[in-house]
Amino acid sequence: MSTMVDRVGRAILDEAKNFGPLAHHMGDVFERRLARAAIEALMEPTDAMLDAVADEEDRRGIPSGVIGALIAEEAWPLMIQAALKEQA
């Protein structure tokens, strides 16, 4: 399985290829398309990202399998930090 960094990088490159040599003339449109491609790539978390949330729930003594034990504002940074630590 690829890391999240790999997924986001691939998504950005794939989207950038759609613009070709005119990309630098597209300004905001180009930047937004690349940003959307990157965000889309984040939609499916990696195992490392899910493990980071499970580890934090364990640290807090939250029983395994409790849905929504951590709110998004708590889980999201943990998942992004885990994605940035992943090695290819």
PDB file of N, CA and C in Angstrom:
ATOM      1  N   MET A   1       0.850  -1.192   0.000  1.00  0.00           N
ATOM      2  CA  MET A   1       0.000   0.000   0.000  1.00  0.00           C
ATOM      3  C   MET A   1       0.888   1.245   0.000  1.00  0.00           C
ATOM      4  N   SER A   2       0.485   2.236  -0.727  1.00  0.00           N
ATOM      5  CA  SER A   2       1.262   3.469  -0.786  1.00  0.00           C
ATOM      6  C   SER A   2       0.966   4.340   0.431  1.00  0.00           C
ATOM      7  N   THR A   3       1.923   5.200   0.755  1.00  0.00           N
ATOM      8  CA  THR A   3       1.718   6.118   1.863  1.00  0.00           C
ATOM      9  C   THR A   3       0.801   7.251   1.400  1.00  0.00           C
ATOM     10  N   MET A   4       0.308   8.020   2.344  1.00  0.00           N
ATOM     11  CA  MET A   4      -0.547   9.147   2.007  1.00  0.00           C
ATOM     12  C   MET A   4       0.245  10.190   1.222  1.00  0.00           C
ATOM     13  N   VAL A   5       1.504  10.383   1.579  1.00  0.00           N
ATOM     14  CA  VAL A   5       2.335  11.335   0.846  1.00  0.00           C
ATOM     15  C   VAL A   5       2.443  10.898  -0.620  1.00  0.00           C
ATOM     16  N   ASP A   6       2.620   9.591  -0.842  1.00  0.00           N
ATOM     17  CA  ASP A   6       2.667   9.072  -2.213  1.00  0.00           C
ATOM     18  C   ASP A   6       1.350   9.334  -2.941  1.00  0.00           C
ATOM     19  N   ARG A   7       0.246   9.064  -2.271  1.00  0.00           N
ATOM     20  CA  ARG A   7      -1.076   9.254  -2.888  1.00  0.00           C
ATOM     21  C   ARG A   7      -1.320  10.710  -3.274  1.00  0.00           C
ATOM     22  N   VAL A   8      -1.016  11.611  -2.355  1.00  0.00           N
ATOM     23  CA  VAL A   8      -1.240  13.037  -2.614  1.00  0.00           C
ATOM     24  C   VAL A   8      -0.318  13.517  -3.733  1.00  0.00           C
ATOM     25  N   GLY A   9       0.935  13.108  -3.676  1.00  0.00           N
ATOM     26  CA  GLY A   9       1.869  13.503  -4.726  1.00  0.00           C
ATOM     27  C   GLY A   9       1.429  13.020  -6.091  1.00  0.00           C
ATOM     28  N   ARG A  10       0.972  11.774  -6.168  1.00  0.00           N
ATOM     29  CA  ARG A  10       0.497  11.212  -7.431  1.00  0.00           C
ATOM     30  C   ARG A  10      -0.744  11.953  -7.922  1.00  0.00           C
ATOM     31  N   ALA A  11      -1.647  12.266  -6.999  1.00  0.00           N
ATOM     32  CA  ALA A  11      -2.877  12.992  -7.370  1.00  0.00           C
ATOM     33  C   ALA A  11      -2.543  14.372  -7.931  1.00  0.00           C
ATOM     34  N   ILE A  12      -1.598  15.055  -7.308  1.00  0.00           N
ATOM     35  CA  ILE A  12      -1.209  16.388  -7.783  1.00  0.00           C
ATOM     36  C   ILE A  12      -0.568  16.290  -9.166  1.00  0.00           C
ATOM     37  N   LEU A  13       0.343  15.340  -9.343  1.00  0.00           N
ATOM     38  CA  LEU A  13       1.000  15.201 -10.643  1.00  0.00           C
ATOM     39  C   LEU A  13       0.009  14.814 -11.737  1.00  0.00           C
ATOM     40  N   ASP A  14      -0.898  13.897 -11.405  1.00  0.00           N
ATOM     41  CA  ASP A  14      -1.906  13.487 -12.399  1.00  0.00           C
ATOM     42  C   ASP A  14      -2.763  14.670 -12.823  1.00  0.00           C
ATOM     43  N   GLU A  15      -3.166  15.471 -11.873  1.00  0.00           N
ATOM     44  CA  GLU A  15      -3.999  16.631 -12.189  1.00  0.00           C
ATOM     45  C   GLU A  15      -3.194  17.680 -12.962  1.00  0.00           C
ATOM     46  N   ALA A  16      -1.950  17.879 -12.587  1.00  0.00           N
ATOM     47  CA  ALA A  16      -1.115  18.872 -13.268  1.00  0.00           C
ATOM     48  C   ALA A  16      -0.897  18.500 -14.733  1.00  0.00           C
ATOM     49  N   LYS A  17      -0.817  17.210 -15.014  1.00  0.00           N
ATOM     50  CA  LYS A  17      -0.639  16.759 -16.400  1.00  0.00           C
ATOM     51  C   LYS A  17      -1.810  17.181 -17.282  1.00  0.00           C
ATOM     52  N   ASN A  18      -2.992  17.328 -16.694  1.00  0.00           N
ATOM     53  CA  ASN A  18      -4.170  17.739 -17.463  1.00  0.00           C
ATOM     54  C   ASN A  18      -4.036  19.162 -18.005  1.00  0.00           C
ATOM     55  N   PHE A  19      -3.186  19.964 -17.404  1.00  0.00           N
ATOM     56  CA  PHE A  19      -3.035  21.361 -17.807  1.00  0.00           C
ATOM     57  C   PHE A  19      -1.910  21.572 -18.808  1.00  0.00           C
ATOM     58  N   GLY A  20      -0.935  20.679 -18.825  1.00  0.00           N
ATOM     59  CA  GLY A  20       0.168  20.789 -19.767  1.00  0.00           C
ATOM     60  C   GLY A  20       0.985  22.051 -19.575  1.00  0.00           C
ATOM     61  N   PRO A  21       1.588  22.533 -20.659  1.00  0.00           N
ATOM     62  CA  PRO A  21       2.504  23.673 -20.556  1.00  0.00           C
ATOM     63  C   PRO A  21       1.824  25.000 -20.232  1.00  0.00           C
ATOM     64  N   LEU A  22       0.503  25.048 -20.284  1.00  0.00           N
ATOM     65  CA  LEU A  22      -0.200  26.299 -19.985  1.00  0.00           C
ATOM     66  C   LEU A  22      -0.513  26.468 -18.503  1.00  0.00           C
ATOM     67  N   ALA A  23      -0.097  25.525 -17.687  1.00  0.00           N
ATOM     68  CA  ALA A  23      -0.451  25.544 -16.266  1.00  0.00           C
ATOM     69  C   ALA A  23      -0.067  26.847 -15.580  1.00  0.00           C
ATOM     70  N   HIS A  24       1.102  27.380 -15.886  1.00  0.00           N
ATOM     71  CA  HIS A  24       1.539  28.599 -15.186  1.00  0.00           C
ATOM     72  C   HIS A  24       0.685  29.813 -15.556  1.00  0.00           C
ATOM     73  N   HIS A  25      -0.123  29.722 -16.607  1.00  0.00           N
ATOM     74  CA  HIS A  25      -1.014  30.814 -16.993  1.00  0.00           C
ATOM     75  C   HIS A  25      -2.398  30.695 -16.344  1.00  0.00           C
ATOM     76  N   MET A  26      -2.647  29.589 -15.666  1.00  0.00           N
ATOM     77  CA  MET A  26      -3.980  29.310 -15.131  1.00  0.00           C
ATOM     78  C   MET A  26      -4.217  29.934 -13.757  1.00  0.00           C
ATOM     79  N   GLY A  27      -3.168  30.303 -13.043  1.00  0.00           N
ATOM     80  CA  GLY A  27      -3.306  30.968 -11.752  1.00  0.00           C
ATOM     81  C   GLY A  27      -4.155  30.218 -10.758  1.00  0.00           C
ATOM     82  N   ASP A  28      -5.190  30.888 -10.244  1.00  0.00           N
ATOM     83  CA  ASP A  28      -6.050  30.330  -9.199  1.00  0.00           C
ATOM     84  C   ASP A  28      -6.729  29.039  -9.623  1.00  0.00           C
ATOM     85  N   VAL A  29      -7.138  28.951 -10.869  1.00  0.00           N
ATOM     86  CA  VAL A  29      -7.821  27.741 -11.342  1.00  0.00           C
ATOM     87  C   VAL A  29      -6.897  26.536 -11.182  1.00  0.00           C
ATOM     88  N   PHE A  30      -5.664  26.688 -11.596  1.00  0.00           N
ATOM     89  CA  PHE A  30      -4.680  25.606 -11.496  1.00  0.00           C
ATOM     90  C   PHE A  30      -4.441  25.242 -10.037  1.00  0.00           C
ATOM     91  N   GLU A  31      -4.221  26.250  -9.196  1.00  0.00           N
ATOM     92  CA  GLU A  31      -3.965  26.000  -7.774  1.00  0.00           C
ATOM     93  C   GLU A  31      -5.139  25.291  -7.114  1.00  0.00           C
ATOM     94  N   ARG A  32      -6.334  25.712  -7.422  1.00  0.00           N
ATOM     95  CA  ARG A  32      -7.516  25.081  -6.813  1.00  0.00           C
ATOM     96  C   ARG A  32      -7.697  23.653  -7.282  1.00  0.00           C
ATOM     97  N   ARG A  33      -7.437  23.387  -8.549  1.00  0.00           N
ATOM     98  CA  ARG A  33      -7.552  22.016  -9.057  1.00  0.00           C
ATOM     99  C   ARG A  33      -6.527  21.114  -8.374  1.00  0.00           C
ATOM    100  N   LEU A  34      -5.317  21.617  -8.191  1.00  0.00           N
ATOM    101  CA  LEU A  34      -4.304  20.820  -7.507  1.00  0.00           C
ATOM    102  C   LEU A  34      -4.683  20.594  -6.046  1.00  0.00           C
ATOM    103  N   ALA A  35      -5.195  21.633  -5.401  1.00  0.00           N
ATOM    104  CA  ALA A  35      -5.621  21.504  -4.005  1.00  0.00           C
ATOM    105  C   ALA A  35      -6.756  20.489  -3.878  1.00  0.00           C
ATOM    106  N   ARG A  36      -7.706  20.544  -4.785  1.00  0.00           N
ATOM    107  CA  ARG A  36      -8.813  19.578  -4.755  1.00  0.00           C
ATOM    108  C   ARG A  36      -8.310  18.152  -4.974  1.00  0.00           C
ATOM    109  N   ALA A  37      -7.360  17.986  -5.886  1.00  0.00           N
ATOM    110  CA  ALA A  37      -6.790  16.657  -6.121  1.00  0.00           C
ATOM    111  C   ALA A  37      -6.112  16.131  -4.862  1.00  0.00           C
ATOM    112  N   ALA A  38      -5.391  17.014  -4.179  1.00  0.00           N
ATOM    113  CA  ALA A  38      -4.715  16.615  -2.946  1.00  0.00           C
ATOM    114  C   ALA A  38      -5.717  16.238  -1.858  1.00  0.00           C
ATOM    115  N   ILE A  39      -6.747  17.032  -1.694  1.00  0.00           N
ATOM    116  CA  ILE A  39      -7.756  16.753  -0.669  1.00  0.00           C
ATOM    117  C   ILE A  39      -8.499  15.462  -0.982  1.00  0.00           C
ATOM    118  N   GLU A  40      -8.805  15.230  -2.258  1.00  0.00           N
ATOM    119  CA  GLU A  40      -9.467  13.984  -2.651  1.00  0.00           C
ATOM    120  C   GLU A  40      -8.617  12.778  -2.268  1.00  0.00           C
ATOM    121  N   ALA A  41      -7.313  12.904  -2.442  1.00  0.00           N
ATOM    122  CA  ALA A  41      -6.421  11.794  -2.114  1.00  0.00           C
ATOM    123  C   ALA A  41      -6.449  11.461  -0.625  1.00  0.00           C
ATOM    124  N   LEU A  42      -6.843  12.403   0.205  1.00  0.00           N
ATOM    125  CA  LEU A  42      -6.923  12.188   1.657  1.00  0.00           C
ATOM    126  C   LEU A  42      -8.199  11.454   2.079  1.00  0.00           C
ATOM    127  N   MET A  43      -9.104  11.249   1.149  1.00  0.00           N
ATOM    128  CA  MET A  43     -10.411  10.712   1.501  1.00  0.00           C
ATOM    129  C   MET A  43     -10.349   9.338   2.155  1.00  0.00           C
ATOM    130  N   GLU A  44      -9.462   8.483   1.695  1.00  0.00           N
ATOM    131  CA  GLU A  44      -9.354   7.143   2.267  1.00  0.00           C
ATOM    132  C   GLU A  44      -8.103   7.082   3.135  1.00  0.00           C
ATOM    133  N   PRO A  45      -8.276   6.990   4.451  1.00  0.00           N
ATOM    134  CA  PRO A  45      -7.109   6.993   5.340  1.00  0.00           C
ATOM    135  C   PRO A  45      -6.271   5.725   5.173  1.00  0.00           C
ATOM    136  N   THR A  46      -4.985   5.853   5.443  1.00  0.00           N
ATOM    137  CA  THR A  46      -4.094   4.692   5.430  1.00  0.00           C
ATOM    138  C   THR A  46      -4.220   3.962   6.760  1.00  0.00           C
ATOM    139  N   ASP A  47      -3.661   2.766   6.806  1.00  0.00           N
ATOM    140  CA  ASP A  47      -3.665   2.004   8.059  1.00  0.00           C
ATOM    141  C   ASP A  47      -2.938   2.772   9.163  1.00  0.00           C
ATOM    142  N   ALA A  48      -1.849   3.438   8.802  1.00  0.00           N
ATOM    143  CA  ALA A  48      -1.094   4.206   9.802  1.00  0.00           C
ATOM    144  C   ALA A  48      -1.951   5.319  10.399  1.00  0.00           C
ATOM    145  N   MET A  49      -2.769   5.944   9.577  1.00  0.00           N
ATOM    146  CA  MET A  49      -3.634   7.023  10.056  1.00  0.00           C
ATOM    147  C   MET A  49      -4.687   6.473  11.015  1.00  0.00           C
ATOM    148  N   LEU A  50      -5.281   5.361  10.645  1.00  0.00           N
ATOM    149  CA  LEU A  50      -6.286   4.738  11.516  1.00  0.00           C
ATOM    150  C   LEU A  50      -5.647   4.249  12.813  1.00  0.00           C
ATOM    151  N   ASP A  51      -4.436   3.701  12.700  1.00  0.00           N
ATOM    152  CA  ASP A  51      -3.726   3.227  13.896  1.00  0.00           C
ATOM    153  C   ASP A  51      -3.433   4.372  14.858  1.00  0.00           C
ATOM    154  N   ALA A  52      -3.124   5.552  14.325  1.00  0.00           N
ATOM    155  CA  ALA A  52      -2.828   6.707  15.179  1.00  0.00           C
ATOM    156  C   ALA A  52      -4.038   7.068  16.040  1.00  0.00           C
ATOM    157  N   VAL A  53      -5.212   7.011  15.449  1.00  0.00           N
ATOM    158  CA  VAL A  53      -6.430   7.301  16.209  1.00  0.00           C
ATOM    159  C   VAL A  53      -6.684   6.204  17.238  1.00  0.00           C
ATOM    160  N   ALA A  54      -6.530   4.958  16.824  1.00  0.00           N
ATOM    161  CA  ALA A  54      -6.739   3.839  17.755  1.00  0.00           C
ATOM    162  C   ALA A  54      -5.751   3.920  18.921  1.00  0.00           C
ATOM    163  N   ASP A  55      -4.501   4.284  18.630  1.00  0.00           N
ATOM    164  CA  ASP A  55      -3.493   4.418  19.696  1.00  0.00           C
ATOM    165  C   ASP A  55      -3.883   5.509  20.690  1.00  0.00           C
ATOM    166  N   GLU A  56      -4.404   6.629  20.177  1.00  0.00           N
ATOM    167  CA  GLU A  56      -4.816   7.722  21.072  1.00  0.00           C
ATOM    168  C   GLU A  56      -6.020   7.298  21.908  1.00  0.00           C
ATOM    169  N   GLU A  57      -6.941   6.560  21.309  1.00  0.00           N
ATOM    170  CA  GLU A  57      -8.090   6.059  22.075  1.00  0.00           C
ATOM    171  C   GLU A  57      -7.622   5.111  23.169  1.00  0.00           C
ATOM    172  N   ASP A  58      -6.663   4.250  22.838  1.00  0.00           N
ATOM    173  CA  ASP A  58      -6.097   3.348  23.851  1.00  0.00           C
ATOM    174  C   ASP A  58      -5.433   4.142  24.976  1.00  0.00           C
ATOM    175  N   ARG A  59      -4.675   5.170  24.591  1.00  0.00           N
ATOM    176  CA  ARG A  59      -3.984   6.002  25.582  1.00  0.00           C
ATOM    177  C   ARG A  59      -4.977   6.648  26.540  1.00  0.00           C
ATOM    178  N   ARG A  60      -6.143   7.015  26.014  1.00  0.00           N
ATOM    179  CA  ARG A  60      -7.177   7.652  26.837  1.00  0.00           C
ATOM    180  C   ARG A  60      -8.068   6.651  27.559  1.00  0.00           C
ATOM    181  N   GLY A  61      -7.846   5.365  27.314  1.00  0.00           N
ATOM    182  CA  GLY A  61      -8.648   4.335  27.968  1.00  0.00           C
ATOM    183  C   GLY A  61     -10.029   4.157  27.358  1.00  0.00           C
ATOM    184  N   ILE A  62     -10.191   4.549  26.122  1.00  0.00           N
ATOM    185  CA  ILE A  62     -11.475   4.389  25.428  1.00  0.00           C
ATOM    186  C   ILE A  62     -11.536   2.969  24.898  1.00  0.00           C
ATOM    187  N   PRO A  63     -12.596   2.225  25.215  1.00  0.00           N
ATOM    188  CA  PRO A  63     -12.693   0.832  24.761  1.00  0.00           C
ATOM    189  C   PRO A  63     -12.664   0.728  23.230  1.00  0.00           C
ATOM    190  N   SER A  64     -12.047  -0.322  22.751  1.00  0.00           N
ATOM    191  CA  SER A  64     -11.955  -0.576  21.318  1.00  0.00           C
ATOM    192  C   SER A  64     -13.349  -0.734  20.708  1.00  0.00           C
ATOM    193  N   GLY A  65     -13.536  -0.167  19.532  1.00  0.00           N
ATOM    194  CA  GLY A  65     -14.799  -0.324  18.812  1.00  0.00           C
ATOM    195  C   GLY A  65     -15.853   0.714  19.123  1.00  0.00           C
ATOM    196  N   VAL A  66     -15.578   1.652  19.999  1.00  0.00           N
ATOM    197  CA  VAL A  66     -16.536   2.714  20.298  1.00  0.00           C
ATOM    198  C   VAL A  66     -16.517   3.701  19.134  1.00  0.00           C
ATOM    199  N   ILE A  67     -17.621   3.799  18.427  1.00  0.00           N
ATOM    200  CA  ILE A  67     -17.707   4.670  17.256  1.00  0.00           C
ATOM    201  C   ILE A  67     -17.725   6.131  17.696  1.00  0.00           C
ATOM    202  N   GLY A  68     -16.904   6.938  17.054  1.00  0.00           N
ATOM    203  CA  GLY A  68     -16.893   8.370  17.333  1.00  0.00           C
ATOM    204  C   GLY A  68     -16.330   8.743  18.686  1.00  0.00           C
ATOM    205  N   ALA A  69     -15.448   7.893  19.213  1.00  0.00           N
ATOM    206  CA  ALA A  69     -14.882   8.172  20.528  1.00  0.00           C
ATOM    207  C   ALA A  69     -14.090   9.476  20.515  1.00  0.00           C
ATOM    208  N   LEU A  70     -13.348   9.699  19.453  1.00  0.00           N
ATOM    209  CA  LEU A  70     -12.635  10.966  19.294  1.00  0.00           C
ATOM    210  C   LEU A  70     -13.402  11.805  18.289  1.00  0.00           C
ATOM    211  N   ILE A  71     -13.568  13.070  18.597  1.00  0.00           N
ATOM    212  CA  ILE A  71     -14.234  13.938  17.634  1.00  0.00           C
ATOM    213  C   ILE A  71     -13.262  14.261  16.495  1.00  0.00           C
ATOM    214  N   ALA A  72     -13.809  14.682  15.378  1.00  0.00           N
ATOM    215  CA  ALA A  72     -12.993  14.934  14.187  1.00  0.00           C
ATOM    216  C   ALA A  72     -11.846  15.894  14.465  1.00  0.00           C
ATOM    217  N   GLU A  73     -12.093  16.917  15.247  1.00  0.00           N
ATOM    218  CA  GLU A  73     -11.058  17.904  15.549  1.00  0.00           C
ATOM    219  C   GLU A  73      -9.894  17.287  16.308  1.00  0.00           C
ATOM    220  N   GLU A  74     -10.138  16.180  17.004  1.00  0.00           N
ATOM    221  CA  GLU A  74      -9.071  15.479  17.707  1.00  0.00           C
ATOM    222  C   GLU A  74      -8.408  14.446  16.795  1.00  0.00           C
ATOM    223  N   ALA A  75      -9.204  13.743  16.024  1.00  0.00           N
ATOM    224  CA  ALA A  75      -8.695  12.657  15.194  1.00  0.00           C
ATOM    225  C   ALA A  75      -7.939  13.160  13.966  1.00  0.00           C
ATOM    226  N   TRP A  76      -8.438  14.208  13.335  1.00  0.00           N
ATOM    227  CA  TRP A  76      -7.842  14.687  12.082  1.00  0.00           C
ATOM    228  C   TRP A  76      -6.358  15.024  12.220  1.00  0.00           C
ATOM    229  N   PRO A  77      -5.952  15.847  13.205  1.00  0.00           N
ATOM    230  CA  PRO A  77      -4.515  16.149  13.333  1.00  0.00           C
ATOM    231  C   PRO A  77      -3.674  14.897  13.582  1.00  0.00           C
ATOM    232  N   LEU A  78      -4.191  13.962  14.363  1.00  0.00           N
ATOM    233  CA  LEU A  78      -3.460  12.714  14.608  1.00  0.00           C
ATOM    234  C   LEU A  78      -3.241  11.953  13.305  1.00  0.00           C
ATOM    235  N   MET A  79      -4.272  11.922  12.469  1.00  0.00           N
ATOM    236  CA  MET A  79      -4.187  11.195  11.212  1.00  0.00           C
ATOM    237  C   MET A  79      -3.216  11.873  10.239  1.00  0.00           C
ATOM    238  N   ILE A  80      -3.246  13.183  10.172  1.00  0.00           N
ATOM    239  CA  ILE A  80      -2.344  13.904   9.275  1.00  0.00           C
ATOM    240  C   ILE A  80      -0.895  13.750   9.750  1.00  0.00           C
ATOM    241  N   GLN A  81      -0.683  13.845  11.067  1.00  0.00           N
ATOM    242  CA  GLN A  81       0.677  13.634  11.591  1.00  0.00           C
ATOM    243  C   GLN A  81       1.187  12.243  11.248  1.00  0.00           C
ATOM    244  N   ALA A  82       0.325  11.243  11.371  1.00  0.00           N
ATOM    245  CA  ALA A  82       0.719   9.877  11.026  1.00  0.00           C
ATOM    246  C   ALA A  82       1.041   9.752   9.541  1.00  0.00           C
ATOM    247  N   ALA A  83       0.252  10.404   8.707  1.00  0.00           N
ATOM    248  CA  ALA A  83       0.494  10.357   7.257  1.00  0.00           C
ATOM    249  C   ALA A  83       1.835  10.974   6.911  1.00  0.00           C
ATOM    250  N   LEU A  84       2.192  12.044   7.590  1.00  0.00           N
ATOM    251  CA  LEU A  84       3.459  12.715   7.313  1.00  0.00           C
ATOM    252  C   LEU A  84       4.661  11.899   7.809  1.00  0.00           C
ATOM    253  N   LYS A  85       4.432  11.020   8.769  1.00  0.00           N
ATOM    254  CA  LYS A  85       5.514  10.185   9.295  1.00  0.00           C
ATOM    255  C   LYS A  85       5.729   8.916   8.475  1.00  0.00           C
ATOM    256  N   GLU A  86       4.728   8.526   7.665  1.00  0.00           N
ATOM    257  CA  GLU A  86       4.823   7.287   6.897  1.00  0.00           C
ATOM    258  C   GLU A  86       6.048   7.308   5.981  1.00  0.00           C
ATOM    259  N   GLN A  87       6.702   6.174   5.910  1.00  0.00           N
ATOM    260  CA  GLN A  87       7.844   6.008   5.010  1.00  0.00           C
ATOM    261  C   GLN A  87       7.429   5.082   3.869  1.00  0.00           C
ATOM    262  N   ALA A  88       7.876   5.404   2.675  1.00  0.00           N
ATOM    263  CA  ALA A  88       7.555   4.580   1.494  1.00  0.00           C
ATOM    264  C   ALA A  88       8.234   3.232   1.585  1.00  0.00           C
TER     265      ALA A  88
END
